């Protein structure tokens, strides 16, 4: 039927109402064989990487575990690191890490020789930042119950476990450890800390302020979130107690591996800071200047961040959960 339609002049590049091409639909449909995808690619090879509003054929195939189709697309020139989604700001690996914790798809992608560690170049998000993004944006005030991110960290750390991977910072100067502490993901903290110790990575790197690493350590981020939020209090005393116990366990895990607060690290490293870095650090330390400095830092982040992080994550989530998006409307 497909061949007959094409022979009769059907437009092979035609799109559905949502922008999907026939190749994307094939990749997302778990077809019993590759006959139709092969036919389409033989007639129009550029279909392998033609981007729609959301997916490429490759990202659709990976997300739907049609790895035979994904391999076929790679043979025809598909780029596993192609930036996808509106604005083209993240890769297929970002999608399966940040939204789905899909260990099967992650394993397939990591076996590709040219898969990129940087999953969103504009934000400088790496594969080690991505797993907790969904919690930071969608489930910020809940403790982790399921070991979603922790499971994919086992796979990621088998491939990317060097000092430069573990100390890689996103655009605001946050390492992966900063992010999992901000997300209060105790399981992922326990995965990252031993890997950092083994690689000689610094567990006391500070987040950025106006381009200089003089702001928060991982331990500071745990302490910042030690106060029980109202969303947890409403669940009752058991949830409150669990929240407090988790805070202490995370602090103990970090401190046991040498984690310290910002004030301690600044005292130790003061002599290594430039004059400008000292001025920035002091502006965040004094009660009178701190509110103004934080405001300036926030405005700076808005300027350098460009596309909203939540919007990026939500677009990826919508692509992966169309039924839930439908029912929420």
C-alpha atoms as a PDB file:
ATOM      1  CA  UNK A   1       0.000   0.000   0.000  1.00  0.00           C
ATOM      2  CA  UNK A   2       2.758   2.466   0.947  1.00  0.00           C
ATOM      3  CA  UNK A   3       4.640   1.733  -2.279  1.00  0.00           C
ATOM      4  CA  UNK A   4       1.493   2.151  -4.314  1.00  0.00           C
ATOM      5  CA  UNK A   5       0.771   5.528  -2.729  1.00  0.00           C
ATOM      6  CA  UNK A   6       4.302   6.736  -3.350  1.00  0.00           C
ATOM      7  CA  UNK A   7       4.239   5.482  -6.946  1.00  0.00           C
ATOM      8  CA  UNK A   8       0.987   7.359  -7.418  1.00  0.00           C
ATOM      9  CA  UNK A   9       2.645  10.612  -6.356  1.00  0.00           C
ATOM     10  CA  UNK A  10       1.963  10.818  -2.622  1.00  0.00           C
ATOM     11  CA  UNK A  11       4.107  13.460  -0.909  1.00  0.00           C
ATOM     12  CA  UNK A  12       6.691  11.550   1.107  1.00  0.00           C
ATOM     13  CA  UNK A  13       7.483  14.681   3.097  1.00  0.00           C
ATOM     14  CA  UNK A  14       3.863  15.362   4.046  1.00  0.00           C
ATOM     15  CA  UNK A  15       3.201  16.072   7.723  1.00  0.00           C
ATOM     16  CA  UNK A  16       0.366  15.361  10.131  1.00  0.00           C
ATOM     17  CA  UNK A  17      -1.454  18.168  11.932  1.00  0.00           C
ATOM     18  CA  UNK A  18       1.166  18.021  14.681  1.00  0.00           C
ATOM     19  CA  UNK A  19       4.080  18.175  12.251  1.00  0.00           C
ATOM     20  CA  UNK A  20       5.057  14.495  12.329  1.00  0.00           C
ATOM     21  CA  UNK A  21       6.315  12.941   9.117  1.00  0.00           C
ATOM     22  CA  UNK A  22       5.494   9.413   7.988  1.00  0.00           C
ATOM     23  CA  UNK A  23       8.947   8.363   9.182  1.00  0.00           C
ATOM     24  CA  UNK A  24       8.273   9.613  12.723  1.00  0.00           C
ATOM     25  CA  UNK A  25       4.967   7.727  12.769  1.00  0.00           C
ATOM     26  CA  UNK A  26       6.747   4.545  11.672  1.00  0.00           C
ATOM     27  CA  UNK A  27       9.383   4.964  14.352  1.00  0.00           C
ATOM     28  CA  UNK A  28       6.741   5.490  17.030  1.00  0.00           C
ATOM     29  CA  UNK A  29       4.458   2.624  15.956  1.00  0.00           C
ATOM     30  CA  UNK A  30       6.538  -0.488  16.753  1.00  0.00           C
ATOM     31  CA  UNK A  31       5.954  -1.963  13.299  1.00  0.00           C
ATOM     32  CA  UNK A  32       6.447  -5.741  13.001  1.00  0.00           C
ATOM     33  CA  UNK A  33       9.281  -5.268  10.485  1.00  0.00           C
ATOM     34  CA  UNK A  34      11.345  -2.569   8.800  1.00  0.00           C
ATOM     35  CA  UNK A  35       9.812  -2.887   5.337  1.00  0.00           C
ATOM     36  CA  UNK A  36       7.997   0.469   5.382  1.00  0.00           C
ATOM     37  CA  UNK A  37      10.842   2.467   7.003  1.00  0.00           C
ATOM     38  CA  UNK A  38      13.297   0.999   4.464  1.00  0.00           C
ATOM     39  CA  UNK A  39      10.992   1.965   1.614  1.00  0.00           C
ATOM     40  CA  UNK A  40      10.606   5.531   2.876  1.00  0.00           C
ATOM     41  CA  UNK A  41      14.325   5.959   3.401  1.00  0.00           C
ATOM     42  CA  UNK A  42      15.113   4.567  -0.050  1.00  0.00           C
ATOM     43  CA  UNK A  43      12.882   7.222  -1.579  1.00  0.00           C
ATOM     44  CA  UNK A  44      13.928  10.118   0.681  1.00  0.00           C
ATOM     45  CA  UNK A  45      17.078   9.609   2.841  1.00  0.00           C
ATOM     46  CA  UNK A  46      16.674  12.987   4.540  1.00  0.00           C
ATOM     47  CA  UNK A  47      13.674  11.571   6.417  1.00  0.00           C
ATOM     48  CA  UNK A  48      16.187   9.928   8.783  1.00  0.00           C
ATOM     49  CA  UNK A  49      16.959  13.251  10.444  1.00  0.00           C
ATOM     50  CA  UNK A  50      14.119  15.538   9.413  1.00  0.00           C
ATOM     51  CA  UNK A  51      12.972  17.316  12.574  1.00  0.00           C
ATOM     52  CA  UNK A  52       9.348  17.852  13.525  1.00  0.00           C
ATOM     53  CA  UNK A  53       7.926  20.065  16.267  1.00  0.00           C
ATOM     54  CA  UNK A  54       8.972  17.478  18.814  1.00  0.00           C
ATOM     55  CA  UNK A  55      10.688  14.273  17.793  1.00  0.00           C
ATOM     56  CA  UNK A  56      13.081  13.158  15.131  1.00  0.00           C
ATOM     57  CA  UNK A  57      12.465   9.632  13.815  1.00  0.00           C
ATOM     58  CA  UNK A  58      15.493   8.480  15.824  1.00  0.00           C
ATOM     59  CA  UNK A  59      14.293   9.927  19.141  1.00  0.00           C
ATOM     60  CA  UNK A  60      10.804   8.471  18.563  1.00  0.00           C
ATOM     61  CA  UNK A  61      12.254   5.032  17.848  1.00  0.00           C
ATOM     62  CA  UNK A  62      14.471   5.094  20.939  1.00  0.00           C
ATOM     63  CA  UNK A  63      11.698   6.244  23.231  1.00  0.00           C
ATOM     64  CA  UNK A  64       9.449   3.460  21.943  1.00  0.00           C
ATOM     65  CA  UNK A  65      12.225   0.841  22.239  1.00  0.00           C
ATOM     66  CA  UNK A  66      12.210   0.111  18.509  1.00  0.00           C
ATOM     67  CA  UNK A  67      15.974  -0.200  18.473  1.00  0.00           C
ATOM     68  CA  UNK A  68      16.065  -2.022  15.130  1.00  0.00           C
ATOM     69  CA  UNK A  69      14.443   1.014  13.565  1.00  0.00           C
ATOM     70  CA  UNK A  70      16.837   3.305  15.439  1.00  0.00           C
ATOM     71  CA  UNK A  71      19.816   1.374  14.064  1.00  0.00           C
ATOM     72  CA  UNK A  72      18.377   1.581  10.554  1.00  0.00           C
ATOM     73  CA  UNK A  73      18.066   5.347  10.912  1.00  0.00           C
ATOM     74  CA  UNK A  74      21.664   5.599  12.118  1.00  0.00           C
ATOM     75  CA  UNK A  75      22.754   3.659   9.019  1.00  0.00           C
ATOM     76  CA  UNK A  76      20.993   6.292   6.921  1.00  0.00           C
ATOM     77  CA  UNK A  77      22.674   9.249   8.575  1.00  0.00           C
ATOM     78  CA  UNK A  78      20.568  10.002  11.651  1.00  0.00           C
ATOM     79  CA  UNK A  79      22.494  11.930  14.309  1.00  0.00           C
ATOM     80  CA  UNK A  80      21.973  10.520  17.835  1.00  0.00           C
ATOM     81  CA  UNK A  81      22.989  13.911  19.246  1.00  0.00           C
ATOM     82  CA  UNK A  82      20.611  15.967  17.104  1.00  0.00           C
ATOM     83  CA  UNK A  83      18.922  18.677  19.157  1.00  0.00           C
ATOM     84  CA  UNK A  84      15.187  18.103  19.247  1.00  0.00           C
ATOM     85  CA  UNK A  85      12.000  19.741  20.433  1.00  0.00           C
ATOM     86  CA  UNK A  86      10.799  23.318  19.894  1.00  0.00           C
ATOM     87  CA  UNK A  87      13.863  25.500  19.675  1.00  0.00           C
ATOM     88  CA  UNK A  88      16.126  22.465  19.289  1.00  0.00           C
ATOM     89  CA  UNK A  89      17.769  22.627  22.710  1.00  0.00           C
ATOM     90  CA  UNK A  90      18.135  19.040  23.952  1.00  0.00           C
ATOM     91  CA  UNK A  91      19.040  15.563  22.722  1.00  0.00           C
ATOM     92  CA  UNK A  92      17.212  12.238  22.796  1.00  0.00           C
ATOM     93  CA  UNK A  93      19.381  11.215  25.755  1.00  0.00           C
ATOM     94  CA  UNK A  94      18.185  14.255  27.705  1.00  0.00           C
ATOM     95  CA  UNK A  95      14.591  13.223  27.047  1.00  0.00           C
ATOM     96  CA  UNK A  96      14.909   9.669  28.322  1.00  0.00           C
ATOM     97  CA  UNK A  97      16.960  10.784  31.335  1.00  0.00           C
ATOM     98  CA  UNK A  98      15.016  13.828  32.487  1.00  0.00           C
ATOM     99  CA  UNK A  99      11.512  12.567  31.872  1.00  0.00           C
ATOM    100  CA  UNK A 100      11.300   8.811  31.873  1.00  0.00           C
ATOM    101  CA  UNK A 101      14.255   7.264  33.770  1.00  0.00           C
ATOM    102  CA  UNK A 102      14.138   4.710  30.956  1.00  0.00           C
ATOM    103  CA  UNK A 103      17.110   2.485  31.730  1.00  0.00           C
ATOM    104  CA  UNK A 104      16.626   0.352  28.621  1.00  0.00           C
ATOM    105  CA  UNK A 105      16.698   3.333  26.272  1.00  0.00           C
ATOM    106  CA  UNK A 106      19.583   4.917  28.205  1.00  0.00           C
ATOM    107  CA  UNK A 107      21.606   1.714  27.900  1.00  0.00           C
ATOM    108  CA  UNK A 108      21.012   1.611  24.128  1.00  0.00           C
ATOM    109  CA  UNK A 109      22.085   5.222  23.683  1.00  0.00           C
ATOM    110  CA  UNK A 110      25.191   4.880  25.835  1.00  0.00           C
ATOM    111  CA  UNK A 111      26.385   1.978  23.709  1.00  0.00           C
ATOM    112  CA  UNK A 112      26.572   4.283  20.682  1.00  0.00           C
ATOM    113  CA  UNK A 113      30.207   5.314  20.154  1.00  0.00           C
ATOM    114  CA  UNK A 114      29.487   8.979  19.423  1.00  0.00           C
ATOM    115  CA  UNK A 115      26.807   9.711  22.026  1.00  0.00           C
ATOM    116  CA  UNK A 116      27.425  13.098  23.615  1.00  0.00           C
ATOM    117  CA  UNK A 117      27.882  13.749  27.334  1.00  0.00           C
ATOM    118  CA  UNK A 118      26.377  17.213  26.797  1.00  0.00           C
ATOM    119  CA  UNK A 119      22.638  16.766  26.445  1.00  0.00           C
ATOM    120  CA  UNK A 120      21.614  20.433  26.268  1.00  0.00           C
ATOM    121  CA  UNK A 121      24.503  22.611  25.055  1.00  0.00           C
ATOM    122  CA  UNK A 122      22.690  25.919  25.513  1.00  0.00           C
ATOM    123  CA  UNK A 123      22.339  25.251  29.257  1.00  0.00           C
ATOM    124  CA  UNK A 124      25.489  23.139  29.473  1.00  0.00           C
ATOM    125  CA  UNK A 125      23.424  20.334  30.992  1.00  0.00           C
ATOM    126  CA  UNK A 126      25.297  17.053  30.977  1.00  0.00           C
ATOM    127  CA  UNK A 127      23.972  13.525  31.187  1.00  0.00           C
ATOM    128  CA  UNK A 128      24.747  13.590  34.925  1.00  0.00           C
ATOM    129  CA  UNK A 129      22.606  16.704  35.470  1.00  0.00           C
ATOM    130  CA  UNK A 130      19.568  15.465  33.547  1.00  0.00           C
ATOM    131  CA  UNK A 131      18.152  12.641  35.731  1.00  0.00           C
ATOM    132  CA  UNK A 132      16.936  14.887  38.572  1.00  0.00           C
ATOM    133  CA  UNK A 133      15.577  17.682  36.399  1.00  0.00           C
ATOM    134  CA  UNK A 134      12.041  16.266  36.468  1.00  0.00           C
ATOM    135  CA  UNK A 135      11.993  16.310  40.264  1.00  0.00           C
ATOM    136  CA  UNK A 136      13.407  19.814  40.482  1.00  0.00           C
ATOM    137  CA  UNK A 137      10.765  21.123  38.120  1.00  0.00           C
ATOM    138  CA  UNK A 138       7.732  18.972  38.801  1.00  0.00           C
ATOM    139  CA  UNK A 139       7.971  17.340  42.207  1.00  0.00           C
ATOM    140  CA  UNK A 140      10.152  19.742  44.171  1.00  0.00           C
ATOM    141  CA  UNK A 141       8.588  19.367  47.610  1.00  0.00           C
ATOM    142  CA  UNK A 142       8.228  15.587  47.724  1.00  0.00           C
ATOM    143  CA  UNK A 143      10.786  13.085  48.884  1.00  0.00           C
ATOM    144  CA  UNK A 144      11.813  10.467  46.376  1.00  0.00           C
ATOM    145  CA  UNK A 145       9.881   7.258  46.881  1.00  0.00           C
ATOM    146  CA  UNK A 146      10.905   5.417  43.710  1.00  0.00           C
ATOM    147  CA  UNK A 147      14.522   4.912  42.732  1.00  0.00           C
ATOM    148  CA  UNK A 148      14.102   6.508  39.322  1.00  0.00           C
ATOM    149  CA  UNK A 149      17.173   8.733  38.959  1.00  0.00           C
ATOM    150  CA  UNK A 150      19.319   6.462  41.094  1.00  0.00           C
ATOM    151  CA  UNK A 151      18.796   3.571  38.685  1.00  0.00           C
ATOM    152  CA  UNK A 152      20.036   5.501  35.658  1.00  0.00           C
ATOM    153  CA  UNK A 153      23.038   6.858  37.577  1.00  0.00           C
ATOM    154  CA  UNK A 154      24.319   3.285  37.833  1.00  0.00           C
ATOM    155  CA  UNK A 155      24.410   3.144  34.038  1.00  0.00           C
ATOM    156  CA  UNK A 156      25.715   6.681  33.495  1.00  0.00           C
ATOM    157  CA  UNK A 157      28.581   6.327  35.960  1.00  0.00           C
ATOM    158  CA  UNK A 158      29.820   3.232  34.169  1.00  0.00           C
ATOM    159  CA  UNK A 159      30.535   5.434  31.152  1.00  0.00           C
ATOM    160  CA  UNK A 160      31.141   8.926  32.520  1.00  0.00           C
ATOM    161  CA  UNK A 161      33.062   8.605  35.775  1.00  0.00           C
ATOM    162  CA  UNK A 162      36.143  10.778  35.311  1.00  0.00           C
ATOM    163  CA  UNK A 163      36.943  13.902  37.275  1.00  0.00           C
ATOM    164  CA  UNK A 164      36.001  16.182  34.374  1.00  0.00           C
ATOM    165  CA  UNK A 165      32.597  14.504  34.077  1.00  0.00           C
ATOM    166  CA  UNK A 166      31.781  14.721  37.770  1.00  0.00           C
ATOM    167  CA  UNK A 167      32.947  18.325  38.098  1.00  0.00           C
ATOM    168  CA  UNK A 168      31.218  19.527  34.919  1.00  0.00           C
ATOM    169  CA  UNK A 169      29.044  22.582  35.618  1.00  0.00           C
ATOM    170  CA  UNK A 170      25.881  23.752  33.934  1.00  0.00           C
ATOM    171  CA  UNK A 171      25.467  27.399  33.023  1.00  0.00           C
ATOM    172  CA  UNK A 172      24.923  28.553  36.636  1.00  0.00           C
ATOM    173  CA  UNK A 173      27.898  26.633  38.002  1.00  0.00           C
ATOM    174  CA  UNK A 174      25.977  23.674  39.442  1.00  0.00           C
ATOM    175  CA  UNK A 175      27.582  20.236  39.268  1.00  0.00           C
ATOM    176  CA  UNK A 176      25.506  17.059  39.188  1.00  0.00           C
ATOM    177  CA  UNK A 177      26.091  16.714  42.949  1.00  0.00           C
ATOM    178  CA  UNK A 178      24.626  20.173  43.519  1.00  0.00           C
ATOM    179  CA  UNK A 179      21.541  19.162  41.590  1.00  0.00           C
ATOM    180  CA  UNK A 180      20.891  15.888  43.402  1.00  0.00           C
ATOM    181  CA  UNK A 181      21.350  17.686  46.735  1.00  0.00           C
ATOM    182  CA  UNK A 182      18.925  20.389  45.647  1.00  0.00           C
ATOM    183  CA  UNK A 183      16.490  17.626  44.696  1.00  0.00           C
ATOM    184  CA  UNK A 184      17.086  15.858  48.045  1.00  0.00           C
ATOM    185  CA  UNK A 185      17.634  12.612  46.165  1.00  0.00           C
ATOM    186  CA  UNK A 186      19.472  10.567  48.783  1.00  0.00           C
ATOM    187  CA  UNK A 187      19.885   7.528  46.531  1.00  0.00           C
ATOM    188  CA  UNK A 188      21.596   9.527  43.800  1.00  0.00           C
ATOM    189  CA  UNK A 189      23.808  11.278  46.368  1.00  0.00           C
ATOM    190  CA  UNK A 190      25.017   7.856  47.509  1.00  0.00           C
ATOM    191  CA  UNK A 191      25.808   6.950  43.887  1.00  0.00           C
ATOM    192  CA  UNK A 192      27.666  10.160  43.030  1.00  0.00           C
ATOM    193  CA  UNK A 193      29.726  10.637  46.185  1.00  0.00           C
ATOM    194  CA  UNK A 194      31.733   7.365  45.908  1.00  0.00           C
ATOM    195  CA  UNK A 195      32.293   8.007  42.201  1.00  0.00           C
ATOM    196  CA  UNK A 196      33.595  11.497  42.960  1.00  0.00           C
ATOM    197  CA  UNK A 197      35.881  10.230  45.716  1.00  0.00           C
ATOM    198  CA  UNK A 198      37.309   7.534  43.437  1.00  0.00           C
ATOM    199  CA  UNK A 199      37.907  10.028  40.604  1.00  0.00           C
ATOM    200  CA  UNK A 200      39.411  12.687  42.868  1.00  0.00           C
ATOM    201  CA  UNK A 201      36.590  15.124  42.082  1.00  0.00           C
ATOM    202  CA  UNK A 202      35.955  18.050  44.418  1.00  0.00           C
ATOM    203  CA  UNK A 203      32.839  17.522  46.559  1.00  0.00           C
ATOM    204  CA  UNK A 204      33.125  21.131  47.757  1.00  0.00           C
ATOM    205  CA  UNK A 205      32.855  22.995  44.473  1.00  0.00           C
ATOM    206  CA  UNK A 206      30.762  26.137  44.895  1.00  0.00           C
ATOM    207  CA  UNK A 207      27.998  27.240  42.567  1.00  0.00           C
ATOM    208  CA  UNK A 208      28.421  30.336  40.452  1.00  0.00           C
ATOM    209  CA  UNK A 209      27.729  33.969  41.228  1.00  0.00           C
ATOM    210  CA  UNK A 210      28.234  36.390  38.320  1.00  0.00           C
ATOM    211  CA  UNK A 211      30.501  33.837  36.686  1.00  0.00           C
ATOM    212  CA  UNK A 212      32.632  33.020  39.741  1.00  0.00           C
ATOM    213  CA  UNK A 213      32.342  29.851  41.897  1.00  0.00           C
ATOM    214  CA  UNK A 214      31.835  31.565  45.262  1.00  0.00           C
ATOM    215  CA  UNK A 215      28.252  30.750  46.244  1.00  0.00           C
ATOM    216  CA  UNK A 216      26.861  27.434  47.533  1.00  0.00           C
ATOM    217  CA  UNK A 217      28.432  24.060  48.276  1.00  0.00           C
ATOM    218  CA  UNK A 218      26.468  20.804  48.075  1.00  0.00           C
ATOM    219  CA  UNK A 219      26.184  20.773  51.873  1.00  0.00           C
ATOM    220  CA  UNK A 220      24.734  24.304  51.806  1.00  0.00           C
ATOM    221  CA  UNK A 221      22.007  23.144  49.433  1.00  0.00           C
ATOM    222  CA  UNK A 222      21.021  20.338  51.789  1.00  0.00           C
ATOM    223  CA  UNK A 223      20.910  22.821  54.684  1.00  0.00           C
ATOM    224  CA  UNK A 224      18.882  25.293  52.588  1.00  0.00           C
ATOM    225  CA  UNK A 225      16.197  22.651  52.215  1.00  0.00           C
ATOM    226  CA  UNK A 226      16.301  21.349  55.787  1.00  0.00           C
ATOM    227  CA  UNK A 227      13.200  23.284  56.875  1.00  0.00           C
ATOM    228  CA  UNK A 228      10.101  21.144  56.428  1.00  0.00           C
ATOM    229  CA  UNK A 229       7.952  22.649  53.644  1.00  0.00           C
ATOM    230  CA  UNK A 230       4.188  23.001  54.107  1.00  0.00           C
ATOM    231  CA  UNK A 231       3.547  20.450  51.344  1.00  0.00           C
ATOM    232  CA  UNK A 232       5.244  17.850  53.544  1.00  0.00           C
ATOM    233  CA  UNK A 233       3.713  19.095  56.820  1.00  0.00           C
ATOM    234  CA  UNK A 234       0.227  18.608  55.397  1.00  0.00           C
ATOM    235  CA  UNK A 235       0.945  14.906  55.005  1.00  0.00           C
ATOM    236  CA  UNK A 236       1.230  14.482  58.746  1.00  0.00           C
ATOM    237  CA  UNK A 237       3.855  13.805  61.425  1.00  0.00           C
ATOM    238  CA  UNK A 238       5.183  10.636  59.780  1.00  0.00           C
ATOM    239  CA  UNK A 239       6.094  12.536  56.610  1.00  0.00           C
ATOM    240  CA  UNK A 240       7.658  15.342  58.656  1.00  0.00           C
ATOM    241  CA  UNK A 241       9.772  12.891  60.631  1.00  0.00           C
ATOM    242  CA  UNK A 242      10.881  11.129  57.464  1.00  0.00           C
ATOM    243  CA  UNK A 243      11.859  14.473  55.932  1.00  0.00           C
ATOM    244  CA  UNK A 244      14.008  15.369  58.933  1.00  0.00           C
ATOM    245  CA  UNK A 245      15.619  11.926  59.054  1.00  0.00           C
ATOM    246  CA  UNK A 246      16.423  12.076  55.350  1.00  0.00           C
ATOM    247  CA  UNK A 247      18.042  15.470  55.827  1.00  0.00           C
ATOM    248  CA  UNK A 248      20.336  14.130  58.536  1.00  0.00           C
ATOM    249  CA  UNK A 249      21.244  11.025  56.532  1.00  0.00           C
ATOM    250  CA  UNK A 250      22.148  13.112  53.495  1.00  0.00           C
ATOM    251  CA  UNK A 251      24.238  15.487  55.609  1.00  0.00           C
ATOM    252  CA  UNK A 252      26.044  12.545  57.221  1.00  0.00           C
ATOM    253  CA  UNK A 253      26.756  10.987  53.805  1.00  0.00           C
ATOM    254  CA  UNK A 254      28.261  14.227  52.521  1.00  0.00           C
ATOM    255  CA  UNK A 255      30.244  15.103  55.642  1.00  0.00           C
ATOM    256  CA  UNK A 256      31.707  11.589  55.808  1.00  0.00           C
ATOM    257  CA  UNK A 257      33.297  12.254  52.409  1.00  0.00           C
ATOM    258  CA  UNK A 258      34.668  15.656  53.354  1.00  0.00           C
ATOM    259  CA  UNK A 259      31.791  17.953  52.385  1.00  0.00           C
ATOM    260  CA  UNK A 260      31.883  21.376  54.050  1.00  0.00           C
ATOM    261  CA  UNK A 261      29.863  24.564  54.142  1.00  0.00           C
ATOM    262  CA  UNK A 262      30.582  27.641  52.036  1.00  0.00           C
ATOM    263  CA  UNK A 263      32.037  29.562  54.979  1.00  0.00           C
ATOM    264  CA  UNK A 264      34.525  26.779  55.720  1.00  0.00           C
ATOM    265  CA  UNK A 265      35.596  26.452  52.079  1.00  0.00           C
ATOM    266  CA  UNK A 266      36.007  30.202  51.651  1.00  0.00           C
ATOM    267  CA  UNK A 267      38.278  30.354  54.692  1.00  0.00           C
ATOM    268  CA  UNK A 268      40.388  27.510  53.312  1.00  0.00           C
ATOM    269  CA  UNK A 269      40.607  28.879  49.762  1.00  0.00           C
ATOM    270  CA  UNK A 270      40.582  32.627  50.363  1.00  0.00           C
ATOM    271  CA  UNK A 271      44.208  33.003  49.378  1.00  0.00           C
ATOM    272  CA  UNK A 272      43.543  31.351  46.013  1.00  0.00           C
ATOM    273  CA  UNK A 273      40.732  33.750  45.038  1.00  0.00           C
ATOM    274  CA  UNK A 274      41.295  36.746  42.814  1.00  0.00           C
ATOM    275  CA  UNK A 275      40.409  40.230  44.071  1.00  0.00           C
ATOM    276  CA  UNK A 276      37.219  40.238  42.009  1.00  0.00           C
ATOM    277  CA  UNK A 277      36.202  36.819  43.340  1.00  0.00           C
ATOM    278  CA  UNK A 278      36.786  38.042  46.904  1.00  0.00           C
ATOM    279  CA  UNK A 279      34.561  41.068  46.303  1.00  0.00           C
ATOM    280  CA  UNK A 280      31.806  38.843  44.933  1.00  0.00           C
ATOM    281  CA  UNK A 281      32.142  36.429  47.846  1.00  0.00           C
ATOM    282  CA  UNK A 282      32.018  39.235  50.415  1.00  0.00           C
ATOM    283  CA  UNK A 283      28.915  40.758  48.802  1.00  0.00           C
ATOM    284  CA  UNK A 284      27.136  37.452  49.495  1.00  0.00           C
ATOM    285  CA  UNK A 285      28.439  37.230  53.054  1.00  0.00           C
ATOM    286  CA  UNK A 286      27.361  40.524  54.625  1.00  0.00           C
ATOM    287  CA  UNK A 287      23.820  41.037  55.802  1.00  0.00           C
ATOM    288  CA  UNK A 288      23.447  44.486  54.232  1.00  0.00           C
ATOM    289  CA  UNK A 289      24.734  43.580  50.769  1.00  0.00           C
ATOM    290  CA  UNK A 290      23.500  39.990  50.478  1.00  0.00           C
ATOM    291  CA  UNK A 291      19.878  40.738  49.350  1.00  0.00           C
ATOM    292  CA  UNK A 292      21.095  43.103  46.633  1.00  0.00           C
ATOM    293  CA  UNK A 293      23.798  40.644  45.536  1.00  0.00           C
ATOM    294  CA  UNK A 294      21.279  37.800  45.300  1.00  0.00           C
ATOM    295  CA  UNK A 295      18.959  39.984  43.198  1.00  0.00           C
ATOM    296  CA  UNK A 296      21.813  40.900  40.863  1.00  0.00           C
ATOM    297  CA  UNK A 297      22.786  37.237  40.616  1.00  0.00           C
ATOM    298  CA  UNK A 298      19.201  36.252  39.801  1.00  0.00           C
ATOM    299  CA  UNK A 299      18.951  38.856  37.039  1.00  0.00           C
ATOM    300  CA  UNK A 300      22.280  37.661  35.658  1.00  0.00           C
ATOM    301  CA  UNK A 301      20.982  34.096  35.543  1.00  0.00           C
ATOM    302  CA  UNK A 302      17.851  35.216  33.716  1.00  0.00           C
ATOM    303  CA  UNK A 303      19.987  36.953  31.102  1.00  0.00           C
ATOM    304  CA  UNK A 304      22.378  34.042  30.528  1.00  0.00           C
ATOM    305  CA  UNK A 305      19.808  31.250  30.806  1.00  0.00           C
ATOM    306  CA  UNK A 306      17.723  32.156  27.766  1.00  0.00           C
ATOM    307  CA  UNK A 307      15.024  29.505  27.315  1.00  0.00           C
ATOM    308  CA  UNK A 308      13.165  28.691  30.505  1.00  0.00           C
ATOM    309  CA  UNK A 309      14.368  25.401  32.067  1.00  0.00           C
ATOM    310  CA  UNK A 310      10.895  24.384  33.173  1.00  0.00           C
ATOM    311  CA  UNK A 311       9.510  24.954  29.690  1.00  0.00           C
ATOM    312  CA  UNK A 312      12.241  22.756  28.228  1.00  0.00           C
ATOM    313  CA  UNK A 313      11.528  19.925  30.653  1.00  0.00           C
ATOM    314  CA  UNK A 314       7.758  20.243  30.221  1.00  0.00           C
ATOM    315  CA  UNK A 315       8.013  20.037  26.441  1.00  0.00           C
ATOM    316  CA  UNK A 316      10.012  16.839  26.759  1.00  0.00           C
ATOM    317  CA  UNK A 317       7.476  15.511  29.258  1.00  0.00           C
ATOM    318  CA  UNK A 318       4.567  16.293  26.914  1.00  0.00           C
ATOM    319  CA  UNK A 319       6.271  14.462  24.070  1.00  0.00           C
ATOM    320  CA  UNK A 320       6.644  11.403  26.270  1.00  0.00           C
ATOM    321  CA  UNK A 321       3.236  11.508  28.013  1.00  0.00           C
ATOM    322  CA  UNK A 322       0.618  12.604  25.448  1.00  0.00           C
ATOM    323  CA  UNK A 323      -2.193  10.760  27.244  1.00  0.00           C
ATOM    324  CA  UNK A 324      -1.533  12.529  30.544  1.00  0.00           C
ATOM    325  CA  UNK A 325      -1.351  15.891  28.805  1.00  0.00           C
ATOM    326  CA  UNK A 326      -4.708  15.149  27.189  1.00  0.00           C
ATOM    327  CA  UNK A 327      -6.380  14.214  30.470  1.00  0.00           C
ATOM    328  CA  UNK A 328      -4.994  17.274  32.263  1.00  0.00           C
ATOM    329  CA  UNK A 329      -6.720  19.637  29.879  1.00  0.00           C
END
